[in-house]
């Protein structure tokens, strides 16, 4: 059963509308009810095994954001956007984290813990010996980028502008936000707000390869 709240044309329209906003209107703030939905888009983002090896830090303090901007190539989005989200990975992911998640799953789904034993064992096995060459840091980072996509897509549907940003010094951000003490490390940023009227990039045509070029089919 389909459960669509929007049309295909509306989705394409908003995807064409969005762009990586370079200039934000610093006077325009995202309403609390809208921001609450965007936070939910992060909470509801999928991740491998459902483990959610992340935390999202929302920075609104102007003094702190100015300090962060000094370690983000001076990019204005860091200070001028309504909200700045620092997407971070959990540094240590192991048996304790799996046990914690399995316990929550048992509670939320109201099932006995023993019915989840095989699942928990499978996840622990993956973390201990991944079936392909990858570090846990790289694996967790991949999950964070899924959440970033969910945030940006949800924002576009709500008419909120965003700009994903990798141009920053993660070590300095970690230090200023005291992330290591909390067990996390910054990997990517997302500024969110509303575009400035004079942002010259807003009306530029998107430069994308055709679907035929980037999508292959095996029918």
N, C-alpha and C. Protein backbone atom coordinates (compact mmCIF):
# COMPACT_ATOMS: atom_id res chain seq x y z
N UNK A 1 0.85 -1.19 0.00
CA UNK A 1 0.00 0.00 0.00
C UNK A 1 0.88 1.24 0.00
N UNK A 2 0.65 2.12 -0.95
CA UNK A 2 1.44 3.33 -1.04
C UNK A 2 0.94 4.36 -0.01
N UNK A 3 1.87 5.13 0.52
CA UNK A 3 1.50 6.12 1.53
C UNK A 3 2.22 7.43 1.22
N UNK A 4 1.93 8.01 0.07
CA UNK A 4 2.62 9.22 -0.37
C UNK A 4 1.88 10.47 0.08
N UNK A 5 2.64 11.42 0.63
CA UNK A 5 2.06 12.69 1.05
C UNK A 5 2.40 13.81 0.08
N UNK A 6 3.13 13.48 -0.96
CA UNK A 6 3.49 14.48 -1.96
C UNK A 6 3.50 13.80 -3.33
N UNK A 7 3.61 14.59 -4.37
CA UNK A 7 3.58 14.03 -5.72
C UNK A 7 5.00 13.92 -6.28
N UNK A 8 5.21 13.07 -7.27
CA UNK A 8 6.53 12.99 -7.90
C UNK A 8 7.00 14.34 -8.43
N UNK A 9 6.11 15.10 -9.04
CA UNK A 9 6.49 16.41 -9.58
C UNK A 9 6.94 17.36 -8.48
N UNK A 10 6.27 17.31 -7.33
CA UNK A 10 6.65 18.19 -6.22
C UNK A 10 8.03 17.85 -5.69
N UNK A 11 8.34 16.57 -5.64
CA UNK A 11 9.66 16.15 -5.17
C UNK A 11 10.75 16.66 -6.11
N UNK A 12 10.55 16.46 -7.41
CA UNK A 12 11.54 16.92 -8.38
C UNK A 12 11.67 18.43 -8.33
N UNK A 13 10.56 19.12 -8.13
CA UNK A 13 10.59 20.58 -8.04
C UNK A 13 11.46 21.04 -6.88
N UNK A 14 11.31 20.41 -5.73
CA UNK A 14 12.10 20.81 -4.56
C UNK A 14 13.56 20.40 -4.68
N UNK A 15 13.81 19.29 -5.35
CA UNK A 15 15.20 18.89 -5.56
C UNK A 15 15.91 19.84 -6.51
N UNK A 16 15.17 20.38 -7.47
CA UNK A 16 15.74 21.40 -8.35
C UNK A 16 15.89 22.74 -7.64
N UNK A 17 15.00 23.00 -6.70
CA UNK A 17 15.03 24.26 -5.95
C UNK A 17 16.24 24.34 -5.03
N UNK A 18 16.59 23.22 -4.41
CA UNK A 18 17.67 23.23 -3.43
C UNK A 18 19.02 23.41 -4.12
N UNK A 19 19.95 23.95 -3.39
CA UNK A 19 21.34 24.08 -3.85
C UNK A 19 22.19 24.26 -2.61
N UNK A 20 23.49 24.14 -2.76
CA UNK A 20 24.39 24.34 -1.62
C UNK A 20 24.50 25.84 -1.38
N UNK A 21 23.73 26.32 -0.44
CA UNK A 21 23.60 27.76 -0.20
C UNK A 21 24.91 28.37 0.29
N UNK A 22 25.35 29.38 -0.41
CA UNK A 22 26.61 30.04 -0.06
C UNK A 22 26.39 31.26 0.84
N UNK A 23 25.26 31.94 0.65
CA UNK A 23 24.96 33.11 1.46
C UNK A 23 23.59 32.93 2.12
N UNK A 24 23.59 32.95 3.44
CA UNK A 24 22.35 32.85 4.19
C UNK A 24 21.91 34.22 4.68
N UNK A 25 20.61 34.40 4.80
CA UNK A 25 20.05 35.61 5.42
C UNK A 25 20.14 35.41 6.93
N UNK A 26 21.06 36.10 7.56
CA UNK A 26 21.30 35.90 8.99
C UNK A 26 20.14 36.36 9.87
N UNK A 27 19.22 37.14 9.29
CA UNK A 27 18.07 37.63 10.06
C UNK A 27 16.92 36.62 10.07
N UNK A 28 16.93 35.70 9.13
CA UNK A 28 15.84 34.73 9.05
C UNK A 28 16.19 33.47 9.84
N UNK A 29 15.34 33.12 10.77
CA UNK A 29 15.57 31.94 11.60
C UNK A 29 14.53 30.86 11.28
N UNK A 30 14.95 29.64 11.38
CA UNK A 30 14.05 28.52 11.17
C UNK A 30 13.10 28.43 12.37
N UNK A 31 11.78 28.43 12.14
CA UNK A 31 10.83 28.31 13.25
C UNK A 31 11.06 27.02 14.05
N UNK A 32 10.76 27.07 15.33
CA UNK A 32 11.01 25.92 16.20
C UNK A 32 10.29 24.67 15.73
N UNK A 33 9.04 24.82 15.26
CA UNK A 33 8.29 23.64 14.85
C UNK A 33 8.90 23.00 13.60
N UNK A 34 9.44 23.83 12.72
CA UNK A 34 10.09 23.31 11.52
C UNK A 34 11.41 22.63 11.91
N UNK A 35 12.16 23.28 12.79
CA UNK A 35 13.43 22.69 13.20
C UNK A 35 13.22 21.35 13.90
N UNK A 36 12.16 21.26 14.67
CA UNK A 36 11.86 20.01 15.36
C UNK A 36 11.68 18.86 14.37
N UNK A 37 11.05 19.15 13.23
CA UNK A 37 10.87 18.13 12.20
C UNK A 37 12.23 17.74 11.61
N UNK A 38 13.09 18.72 11.40
CA UNK A 38 14.41 18.43 10.83
C UNK A 38 15.25 17.59 11.80
N UNK A 39 15.10 17.85 13.09
CA UNK A 39 15.79 17.00 14.06
C UNK A 39 15.25 15.57 14.00
N UNK A 40 13.94 15.45 13.79
CA UNK A 40 13.35 14.12 13.67
C UNK A 40 13.87 13.39 12.43
N UNK A 41 14.18 14.15 11.38
CA UNK A 41 14.74 13.50 10.18
C UNK A 41 16.09 12.87 10.49
N UNK A 42 16.83 13.48 11.40
CA UNK A 42 18.10 12.90 11.83
C UNK A 42 17.85 11.66 12.70
N UNK A 43 16.93 11.80 13.64
CA UNK A 43 16.61 10.69 14.53
C UNK A 43 16.13 9.47 13.75
N UNK A 44 15.34 9.71 12.71
CA UNK A 44 14.74 8.62 11.95
C UNK A 44 15.60 8.12 10.79
N UNK A 45 16.79 8.66 10.64
CA UNK A 45 17.68 8.23 9.56
C UNK A 45 18.09 6.77 9.75
N UNK A 46 18.17 6.02 8.67
CA UNK A 46 18.60 4.62 8.77
C UNK A 46 20.11 4.50 8.92
N UNK A 47 20.54 3.38 9.45
CA UNK A 47 21.97 3.10 9.56
C UNK A 47 22.18 1.60 9.51
N UNK A 48 23.39 1.20 9.19
CA UNK A 48 23.71 -0.23 9.11
C UNK A 48 23.43 -0.92 10.44
N UNK A 49 22.68 -2.01 10.39
CA UNK A 49 22.25 -2.76 11.58
C UNK A 49 21.35 -1.93 12.50
N UNK A 50 21.06 -0.70 12.12
CA UNK A 50 20.27 0.17 12.99
C UNK A 50 21.05 0.72 14.17
N UNK A 51 22.38 0.58 14.16
CA UNK A 51 23.19 0.91 15.34
C UNK A 51 23.30 2.41 15.65
N UNK A 52 23.12 3.25 14.64
CA UNK A 52 23.18 4.70 14.84
C UNK A 52 24.48 5.14 15.54
N UNK A 53 25.63 4.92 14.89
CA UNK A 53 26.92 5.23 15.52
C UNK A 53 27.26 6.71 15.41
N UNK A 54 26.37 7.55 15.89
CA UNK A 54 26.49 8.99 15.65
C UNK A 54 25.87 9.83 16.75
N UNK A 55 26.13 11.11 16.67
CA UNK A 55 25.40 12.11 17.45
C UNK A 55 25.48 13.40 16.65
N UNK A 56 24.41 14.18 16.73
CA UNK A 56 24.32 15.41 15.95
C UNK A 56 24.28 16.60 16.90
N UNK A 57 25.25 17.48 16.76
CA UNK A 57 25.37 18.62 17.67
C UNK A 57 24.89 19.89 16.96
N UNK A 58 23.84 20.50 17.51
CA UNK A 58 23.26 21.71 16.93
C UNK A 58 23.87 22.91 17.64
N UNK A 59 24.56 23.74 16.88
CA UNK A 59 25.27 24.88 17.46
C UNK A 59 24.54 26.17 17.07
N UNK A 60 24.04 26.89 18.06
CA UNK A 60 23.36 28.16 17.80
C UNK A 60 24.06 29.32 18.50
N UNK A 61 24.89 29.02 19.49
CA UNK A 61 25.60 30.08 20.22
C UNK A 61 26.48 30.88 19.27
N UNK A 62 26.21 32.19 19.12
CA UNK A 62 26.94 32.99 18.12
C UNK A 62 28.43 33.12 18.40
N UNK A 63 28.81 33.21 19.66
CA UNK A 63 30.23 33.33 19.99
C UNK A 63 30.98 32.05 19.64
N UNK A 64 30.37 30.93 19.95
CA UNK A 64 30.99 29.64 19.64
C UNK A 64 31.06 29.44 18.13
N UNK A 65 30.04 29.85 17.43
CA UNK A 65 30.04 29.69 15.98
C UNK A 65 31.11 30.56 15.33
N UNK A 66 31.38 31.72 15.89
CA UNK A 66 32.44 32.56 15.35
C UNK A 66 33.80 31.87 15.54
N UNK A 67 33.98 31.24 16.68
CA UNK A 67 35.23 30.50 16.91
C UNK A 67 35.35 29.33 15.92
N UNK A 68 34.24 28.66 15.68
CA UNK A 68 34.25 27.54 14.74
C UNK A 68 34.56 28.02 13.33
N UNK A 69 34.02 29.17 12.99
CA UNK A 69 34.25 29.73 11.64
C UNK A 69 35.73 29.95 11.38
N UNK A 70 36.46 30.32 12.42
CA UNK A 70 37.90 30.54 12.28
C UNK A 70 38.63 29.26 11.87
N UNK A 71 37.99 28.11 12.08
CA UNK A 71 38.61 26.83 11.72
C UNK A 71 37.82 26.14 10.61
N UNK A 72 37.08 26.96 9.84
CA UNK A 72 36.32 26.44 8.69
C UNK A 72 36.56 27.34 7.49
N UNK A 73 37.81 27.73 7.32
CA UNK A 73 38.22 28.55 6.18
C UNK A 73 37.46 29.88 6.12
N UNK A 74 36.94 30.32 7.26
CA UNK A 74 36.24 31.59 7.30
C UNK A 74 34.92 31.59 6.55
N UNK A 75 34.36 30.42 6.30
CA UNK A 75 33.12 30.34 5.52
C UNK A 75 31.95 30.94 6.29
N UNK A 76 31.25 31.86 5.62
CA UNK A 76 30.19 32.63 6.27
C UNK A 76 29.01 31.77 6.69
N UNK A 77 28.80 30.64 6.02
CA UNK A 77 27.65 29.80 6.37
C UNK A 77 27.69 29.37 7.83
N UNK A 78 28.89 29.21 8.37
CA UNK A 78 29.04 28.73 9.74
C UNK A 78 28.39 29.68 10.73
N UNK A 79 28.48 30.97 10.48
CA UNK A 79 27.92 31.96 11.40
C UNK A 79 26.58 32.53 10.95
N UNK A 80 26.33 32.56 9.66
CA UNK A 80 25.16 33.28 9.16
C UNK A 80 23.90 32.44 9.04
N UNK A 81 24.04 31.14 8.91
CA UNK A 81 22.86 30.28 8.82
C UNK A 81 22.11 30.26 10.15
N UNK A 82 20.83 29.97 10.08
CA UNK A 82 20.03 29.90 11.30
C UNK A 82 20.57 28.86 12.27
N UNK A 83 20.90 27.69 11.75
CA UNK A 83 21.40 26.59 12.57
C UNK A 83 22.65 25.98 11.92
N UNK A 84 23.54 25.51 12.76
CA UNK A 84 24.71 24.75 12.29
C UNK A 84 24.68 23.38 12.96
N UNK A 85 24.71 22.34 12.14
CA UNK A 85 24.72 20.98 12.67
C UNK A 85 26.09 20.37 12.44
N UNK A 86 26.69 19.88 13.50
CA UNK A 86 27.95 19.15 13.42
C UNK A 86 27.61 17.67 13.55
N UNK A 87 27.81 16.94 12.47
CA UNK A 87 27.50 15.51 12.47
C UNK A 87 28.75 14.74 12.86
N UNK A 88 28.64 13.97 13.92
CA UNK A 88 29.81 13.31 14.50
C UNK A 88 29.62 11.80 14.60
N UNK A 89 30.73 11.08 14.53
CA UNK A 89 30.69 9.63 14.70
C UNK A 89 31.08 9.25 16.12
N UNK A 90 30.55 8.12 16.55
CA UNK A 90 30.95 7.57 17.84
C UNK A 90 32.30 6.90 17.66
N UNK A 91 33.25 7.22 18.52
CA UNK A 91 34.62 6.76 18.33
C UNK A 91 34.80 5.28 18.66
N UNK A 92 34.15 4.82 19.71
CA UNK A 92 34.30 3.42 20.11
C UNK A 92 32.98 2.70 19.92
N UNK A 93 32.98 1.71 19.05
CA UNK A 93 31.77 0.95 18.77
C UNK A 93 32.10 -0.52 18.96
N UNK A 94 31.49 -1.12 19.96
CA UNK A 94 31.81 -2.51 20.26
C UNK A 94 30.68 -3.24 20.93
N UNK A 95 31.03 -4.22 21.74
CA UNK A 95 30.05 -5.09 22.38
C UNK A 95 29.05 -4.32 23.22
N UNK A 96 29.53 -3.36 23.99
CA UNK A 96 28.64 -2.60 24.88
C UNK A 96 27.58 -1.85 24.09
N UNK A 97 27.98 -1.27 22.95
CA UNK A 97 27.03 -0.52 22.13
C UNK A 97 25.98 -1.44 21.51
N UNK A 98 26.42 -2.62 21.11
CA UNK A 98 25.47 -3.59 20.54
C UNK A 98 24.48 -4.04 21.61
N UNK A 99 24.98 -4.35 22.80
CA UNK A 99 24.09 -4.78 23.89
C UNK A 99 23.07 -3.70 24.23
N UNK A 100 23.53 -2.45 24.24
CA UNK A 100 22.64 -1.34 24.55
C UNK A 100 21.53 -1.22 23.51
N UNK A 101 21.90 -1.37 22.24
CA UNK A 101 20.91 -1.26 21.18
C UNK A 101 19.94 -2.43 21.20
N UNK A 102 20.44 -3.63 21.44
CA UNK A 102 19.57 -4.81 21.49
C UNK A 102 18.57 -4.67 22.64
N UNK A 103 19.02 -4.16 23.77
CA UNK A 103 18.11 -3.93 24.90
C UNK A 103 17.01 -2.94 24.53
N UNK A 104 17.40 -1.89 23.82
CA UNK A 104 16.39 -0.91 23.41
C UNK A 104 15.42 -1.53 22.40
N UNK A 105 15.93 -2.33 21.50
CA UNK A 105 15.06 -2.98 20.52
C UNK A 105 14.04 -3.88 21.22
N UNK A 106 14.51 -4.63 22.21
CA UNK A 106 13.61 -5.51 22.95
C UNK A 106 12.51 -4.71 23.65
N UNK A 107 12.88 -3.56 24.19
CA UNK A 107 11.91 -2.72 24.89
C UNK A 107 10.91 -2.10 23.92
N UNK A 108 11.42 -1.49 22.85
CA UNK A 108 10.56 -0.80 21.90
C UNK A 108 9.61 -1.77 21.20
N UNK A 109 10.11 -2.94 20.83
CA UNK A 109 9.29 -3.91 20.09
C UNK A 109 8.60 -4.92 21.00
N UNK A 110 8.87 -4.79 22.29
CA UNK A 110 8.23 -5.65 23.29
C UNK A 110 8.42 -7.13 22.97
N UNK A 111 9.69 -7.49 22.81
CA UNK A 111 10.04 -8.89 22.55
C UNK A 111 11.08 -9.34 23.57
N UNK A 112 11.14 -10.62 23.88
CA UNK A 112 12.14 -11.12 24.84
C UNK A 112 13.56 -10.93 24.31
N UNK A 113 14.48 -10.66 25.20
CA UNK A 113 15.87 -10.46 24.82
C UNK A 113 16.44 -11.67 24.09
N UNK A 114 16.04 -12.86 24.53
CA UNK A 114 16.62 -14.07 23.95
C UNK A 114 16.29 -14.22 22.47
N UNK A 115 15.19 -13.62 22.03
CA UNK A 115 14.84 -13.72 20.61
C UNK A 115 15.76 -12.88 19.74
N UNK A 116 16.53 -12.00 20.36
CA UNK A 116 17.43 -11.12 19.61
C UNK A 116 18.89 -11.55 19.74
N UNK A 117 19.11 -12.69 20.37
CA UNK A 117 20.49 -13.14 20.63
C UNK A 117 21.26 -13.36 19.33
N UNK A 118 20.64 -14.00 18.35
CA UNK A 118 21.33 -14.24 17.08
C UNK A 118 21.67 -12.94 16.38
N UNK A 119 20.73 -12.00 16.43
CA UNK A 119 20.98 -10.69 15.80
C UNK A 119 22.16 -10.00 16.47
N UNK A 120 22.14 -9.96 17.79
CA UNK A 120 23.24 -9.32 18.52
C UNK A 120 24.57 -9.98 18.22
N UNK A 121 24.58 -11.30 18.15
CA UNK A 121 25.81 -12.01 17.84
C UNK A 121 26.32 -11.70 16.45
N UNK A 122 25.41 -11.59 15.50
CA UNK A 122 25.80 -11.27 14.12
C UNK A 122 26.46 -9.89 14.05
N UNK A 123 25.85 -8.91 14.73
CA UNK A 123 26.40 -7.55 14.69
C UNK A 123 27.77 -7.51 15.36
N UNK A 124 27.90 -8.18 16.49
CA UNK A 124 29.18 -8.22 17.18
C UNK A 124 30.25 -8.87 16.31
N UNK A 125 29.85 -9.90 15.58
CA UNK A 125 30.79 -10.55 14.68
C UNK A 125 31.27 -9.63 13.59
N UNK A 126 30.35 -8.83 13.05
CA UNK A 126 30.73 -7.87 12.01
C UNK A 126 31.70 -6.84 12.55
N UNK A 127 31.41 -6.31 13.73
CA UNK A 127 32.28 -5.28 14.30
C UNK A 127 33.66 -5.84 14.63
N UNK A 128 33.71 -7.10 15.07
CA UNK A 128 34.99 -7.70 15.44
C UNK A 128 35.82 -8.06 14.21
N UNK A 129 35.16 -8.60 13.19
CA UNK A 129 35.85 -9.01 11.96
C UNK A 129 34.99 -8.68 10.75
N UNK A 130 35.08 -7.45 10.26
CA UNK A 130 34.29 -7.06 9.09
C UNK A 130 34.59 -7.98 7.90
N UNK A 131 33.58 -8.34 7.11
CA UNK A 131 33.79 -9.25 5.98
C UNK A 131 34.48 -8.61 4.79
N UNK A 132 34.79 -7.34 4.89
CA UNK A 132 35.52 -6.63 3.84
C UNK A 132 36.42 -5.61 4.51
N UNK A 133 37.48 -5.16 3.83
CA UNK A 133 38.45 -4.25 4.46
C UNK A 133 37.83 -2.88 4.76
N UNK A 134 37.64 -2.58 6.03
CA UNK A 134 37.11 -1.28 6.43
C UNK A 134 37.38 -1.07 7.91
N UNK A 135 37.70 0.16 8.27
CA UNK A 135 37.86 0.49 9.68
C UNK A 135 36.49 0.88 10.23
N UNK A 136 36.33 0.78 11.53
CA UNK A 136 35.06 1.17 12.14
C UNK A 136 34.81 2.67 11.98
N UNK A 137 35.89 3.45 11.93
CA UNK A 137 35.73 4.89 11.71
C UNK A 137 35.14 5.16 10.32
N UNK A 138 35.65 4.47 9.32
CA UNK A 138 35.13 4.63 7.96
C UNK A 138 33.69 4.14 7.87
N UNK A 139 33.42 3.03 8.52
CA UNK A 139 32.06 2.48 8.50
C UNK A 139 31.08 3.46 9.14
N UNK A 140 31.44 4.00 10.29
CA UNK A 140 30.56 4.95 10.98
C UNK A 140 30.36 6.22 10.16
N UNK A 141 31.43 6.66 9.50
CA UNK A 141 31.33 7.87 8.68
C UNK A 141 30.34 7.66 7.54
N UNK A 142 30.33 6.48 6.95
CA UNK A 142 29.36 6.19 5.89
C UNK A 142 27.94 6.35 6.40
N UNK A 143 27.71 5.91 7.63
CA UNK A 143 26.36 6.01 8.19
C UNK A 143 25.96 7.47 8.40
N UNK A 144 26.90 8.28 8.85
CA UNK A 144 26.62 9.69 9.08
C UNK A 144 26.20 10.39 7.80
N UNK A 145 26.81 10.00 6.68
CA UNK A 145 26.44 10.65 5.41
C UNK A 145 25.02 10.28 4.97
N UNK A 146 24.54 9.12 5.40
CA UNK A 146 23.13 8.80 5.14
C UNK A 146 22.25 9.79 5.89
N UNK A 147 22.58 10.05 7.15
CA UNK A 147 21.80 11.00 7.95
C UNK A 147 21.87 12.40 7.36
N UNK A 148 23.03 12.78 6.86
CA UNK A 148 23.18 14.09 6.22
C UNK A 148 22.22 14.20 5.04
N UNK A 149 22.14 13.16 4.24
CA UNK A 149 21.23 13.17 3.10
C UNK A 149 19.78 13.30 3.53
N UNK A 150 19.41 12.59 4.59
CA UNK A 150 18.03 12.69 5.09
C UNK A 150 17.74 14.11 5.56
N UNK A 151 18.68 14.73 6.26
CA UNK A 151 18.48 16.10 6.74
C UNK A 151 18.30 17.06 5.58
N UNK A 152 19.15 16.97 4.59
CA UNK A 152 19.10 17.90 3.46
C UNK A 152 17.83 17.70 2.63
N UNK A 153 17.44 16.46 2.44
CA UNK A 153 16.23 16.18 1.66
C UNK A 153 14.99 16.69 2.40
N UNK A 154 14.92 16.41 3.69
CA UNK A 154 13.78 16.87 4.49
C UNK A 154 13.71 18.39 4.49
N UNK A 155 14.87 19.03 4.61
CA UNK A 155 14.91 20.49 4.58
C UNK A 155 14.38 21.03 3.27
N UNK A 156 14.77 20.42 2.16
CA UNK A 156 14.31 20.87 0.85
C UNK A 156 12.79 20.78 0.74
N UNK A 157 12.22 19.69 1.25
CA UNK A 157 10.76 19.54 1.20
C UNK A 157 10.06 20.61 2.02
N UNK A 158 10.73 21.11 3.05
CA UNK A 158 10.14 22.14 3.92
C UNK A 158 10.53 23.55 3.50
N UNK A 159 11.24 23.68 2.39
CA UNK A 159 11.64 25.00 1.93
C UNK A 159 12.75 25.63 2.75
N UNK A 160 13.56 24.78 3.38
CA UNK A 160 14.70 25.25 4.18
C UNK A 160 15.97 24.99 3.39
N UNK A 161 16.83 25.98 3.33
CA UNK A 161 18.09 25.85 2.60
C UNK A 161 19.16 25.20 3.47
N UNK A 162 20.07 24.49 2.81
CA UNK A 162 21.17 23.85 3.52
C UNK A 162 22.46 23.97 2.73
N UNK A 163 23.56 23.73 3.42
CA UNK A 163 24.86 23.66 2.76
C UNK A 163 25.71 22.63 3.50
N UNK A 164 26.00 21.48 2.87
CA UNK A 164 26.89 20.50 3.49
C UNK A 164 28.32 21.01 3.39
N UNK A 165 29.12 20.76 4.42
CA UNK A 165 30.46 21.34 4.45
C UNK A 165 31.47 20.34 5.01
N UNK A 166 32.52 20.10 4.23
CA UNK A 166 33.65 19.31 4.71
C UNK A 166 34.88 20.18 4.93
N UNK A 167 34.79 21.43 4.54
CA UNK A 167 35.93 22.33 4.64
C UNK A 167 36.09 22.91 6.04
N UNK A 168 36.59 22.08 6.94
CA UNK A 168 36.83 22.54 8.31
C UNK A 168 37.87 21.64 8.95
N UNK A 169 38.40 22.08 10.07
CA UNK A 169 39.41 21.32 10.79
C UNK A 169 38.71 20.48 11.86
N UNK A 170 38.52 19.19 11.63
CA UNK A 170 37.79 18.36 12.59
C UNK A 170 38.40 18.37 13.99
N UNK A 171 39.73 18.38 14.06
CA UNK A 171 40.38 18.36 15.37
C UNK A 171 40.05 19.61 16.17
N UNK A 172 40.02 20.76 15.51
CA UNK A 172 39.69 22.01 16.19
C UNK A 172 38.22 22.04 16.60
N UNK A 173 37.36 21.54 15.73
CA UNK A 173 35.93 21.47 16.09
C UNK A 173 35.74 20.55 17.28
N UNK A 174 36.43 19.40 17.26
CA UNK A 174 36.34 18.47 18.38
C UNK A 174 36.76 19.16 19.68
N UNK A 175 37.83 19.93 19.59
CA UNK A 175 38.35 20.61 20.77
C UNK A 175 37.37 21.66 21.29
N UNK A 176 36.87 22.50 20.39
CA UNK A 176 35.98 23.58 20.81
C UNK A 176 34.65 23.06 21.34
N UNK A 177 34.17 21.97 20.78
CA UNK A 177 32.88 21.41 21.21
C UNK A 177 33.05 20.33 22.28
N UNK A 178 34.31 20.05 22.63
CA UNK A 178 34.62 19.04 23.65
C UNK A 178 34.01 17.68 23.30
N UNK A 179 34.14 17.32 22.04
CA UNK A 179 33.54 16.07 21.58
C UNK A 179 34.26 14.81 22.06
N UNK A 180 35.61 14.80 22.10
CA UNK A 180 36.29 13.58 22.55
C UNK A 180 35.87 13.14 23.95
N UNK A 181 35.62 14.10 24.82
CA UNK A 181 35.20 13.77 26.18
C UNK A 181 33.83 13.09 26.19
N UNK A 182 33.07 13.32 25.12
CA UNK A 182 31.75 12.71 25.00
C UNK A 182 31.78 11.43 24.16
N UNK A 183 32.98 11.14 23.62
CA UNK A 183 33.13 9.92 22.84
C UNK A 183 32.83 10.06 21.36
N UNK A 184 32.89 11.31 20.85
CA UNK A 184 32.53 11.55 19.45
C UNK A 184 33.60 12.36 18.73
N UNK A 185 33.51 12.37 17.40
CA UNK A 185 34.43 13.15 16.58
C UNK A 185 33.68 13.67 15.36
N UNK A 186 33.86 14.95 15.04
CA UNK A 186 33.15 15.59 13.93
C UNK A 186 33.64 15.08 12.59
N UNK A 187 32.70 14.86 11.65
CA UNK A 187 33.10 14.42 10.31
C UNK A 187 32.55 15.31 9.20
N UNK A 188 31.42 15.96 9.41
CA UNK A 188 30.85 16.81 8.36
C UNK A 188 29.89 17.81 9.02
N UNK A 189 29.70 18.95 8.35
CA UNK A 189 28.80 19.99 8.86
C UNK A 189 27.62 20.17 7.92
N UNK A 190 26.55 20.73 8.46
CA UNK A 190 25.44 21.14 7.61
C UNK A 190 24.86 22.43 8.17
N UNK A 191 25.00 23.50 7.39
CA UNK A 191 24.38 24.78 7.76
C UNK A 191 22.96 24.77 7.22
N UNK A 192 22.02 25.32 7.99
CA UNK A 192 20.62 25.32 7.58
C UNK A 192 19.98 26.67 7.89
N UNK A 193 19.17 27.15 6.98
CA UNK A 193 18.51 28.43 7.17
C UNK A 193 17.78 28.84 5.91
N UNK A 194 17.88 30.12 5.58
CA UNK A 194 17.20 30.63 4.39
C UNK A 194 18.17 31.48 3.57
N UNK A 195 18.16 31.25 2.28
CA UNK A 195 19.09 31.91 1.37
C UNK A 195 18.94 33.43 1.39
N UNK A 196 20.06 34.11 1.22
CA UNK A 196 20.04 35.57 1.08
C UNK A 196 19.50 35.93 -0.30
N UNK A 197 18.80 37.04 -0.37
CA UNK A 197 18.18 37.45 -1.63
C UNK A 197 19.22 37.68 -2.72
N UNK A 198 20.43 38.04 -2.32
CA UNK A 198 21.47 38.35 -3.31
C UNK A 198 22.48 37.23 -3.51
N UNK A 199 22.14 36.00 -3.08
CA UNK A 199 23.06 34.88 -3.31
C UNK A 199 23.04 34.54 -4.80
N UNK A 200 24.12 34.85 -5.47
CA UNK A 200 24.18 34.69 -6.93
C UNK A 200 24.09 33.24 -7.38
N UNK A 201 24.34 32.31 -6.45
CA UNK A 201 24.33 30.90 -6.82
C UNK A 201 22.92 30.31 -6.85
N UNK A 202 21.96 31.03 -6.27
CA UNK A 202 20.61 30.48 -6.12
C UNK A 202 19.94 30.17 -7.45
N UNK A 203 20.17 31.00 -8.44
CA UNK A 203 19.46 30.86 -9.71
C UNK A 203 20.29 30.22 -10.81
N UNK A 204 21.48 29.77 -10.49
CA UNK A 204 22.30 29.13 -11.51
C UNK A 204 21.72 27.76 -11.87
N UNK A 205 21.72 27.40 -13.14
CA UNK A 205 21.24 26.07 -13.53
C UNK A 205 22.12 24.98 -12.91
N UNK A 206 21.48 23.89 -12.52
CA UNK A 206 22.26 22.77 -11.98
C UNK A 206 23.07 22.12 -13.10
N UNK A 207 24.30 21.79 -12.80
CA UNK A 207 25.15 21.11 -13.77
C UNK A 207 25.21 19.64 -13.36
N UNK A 208 24.42 18.83 -14.00
CA UNK A 208 24.35 17.40 -13.70
C UNK A 208 24.47 16.61 -15.00
N UNK A 209 25.08 15.44 -14.92
CA UNK A 209 25.06 14.54 -16.06
C UNK A 209 23.65 13.98 -16.21
N UNK A 210 23.33 13.53 -17.41
CA UNK A 210 22.00 12.98 -17.66
C UNK A 210 21.81 11.67 -16.90
N UNK A 211 20.55 11.30 -16.70
CA UNK A 211 20.25 10.03 -16.05
C UNK A 211 20.86 8.87 -16.83
N UNK A 212 20.87 8.98 -18.14
CA UNK A 212 21.44 7.92 -18.98
C UNK A 212 22.93 7.73 -18.70
N UNK A 213 23.61 8.83 -18.35
CA UNK A 213 25.04 8.77 -18.09
C UNK A 213 25.36 8.15 -16.73
N UNK A 214 24.58 8.48 -15.72
CA UNK A 214 24.94 8.09 -14.36
C UNK A 214 24.13 6.92 -13.80
N UNK A 215 23.12 6.47 -14.54
CA UNK A 215 22.30 5.36 -14.06
C UNK A 215 22.33 4.22 -15.07
N UNK A 216 22.69 3.04 -14.60
CA UNK A 216 22.69 1.85 -15.45
C UNK A 216 21.55 0.93 -15.05
N UNK A 217 21.05 0.17 -15.99
CA UNK A 217 19.92 -0.73 -15.72
C UNK A 217 20.27 -2.16 -16.13
N UNK A 218 19.86 -3.10 -15.30
CA UNK A 218 19.94 -4.53 -15.63
C UNK A 218 18.52 -5.07 -15.54
N UNK A 219 17.81 -5.06 -16.65
CA UNK A 219 16.39 -5.47 -16.64
C UNK A 219 16.23 -6.96 -16.96
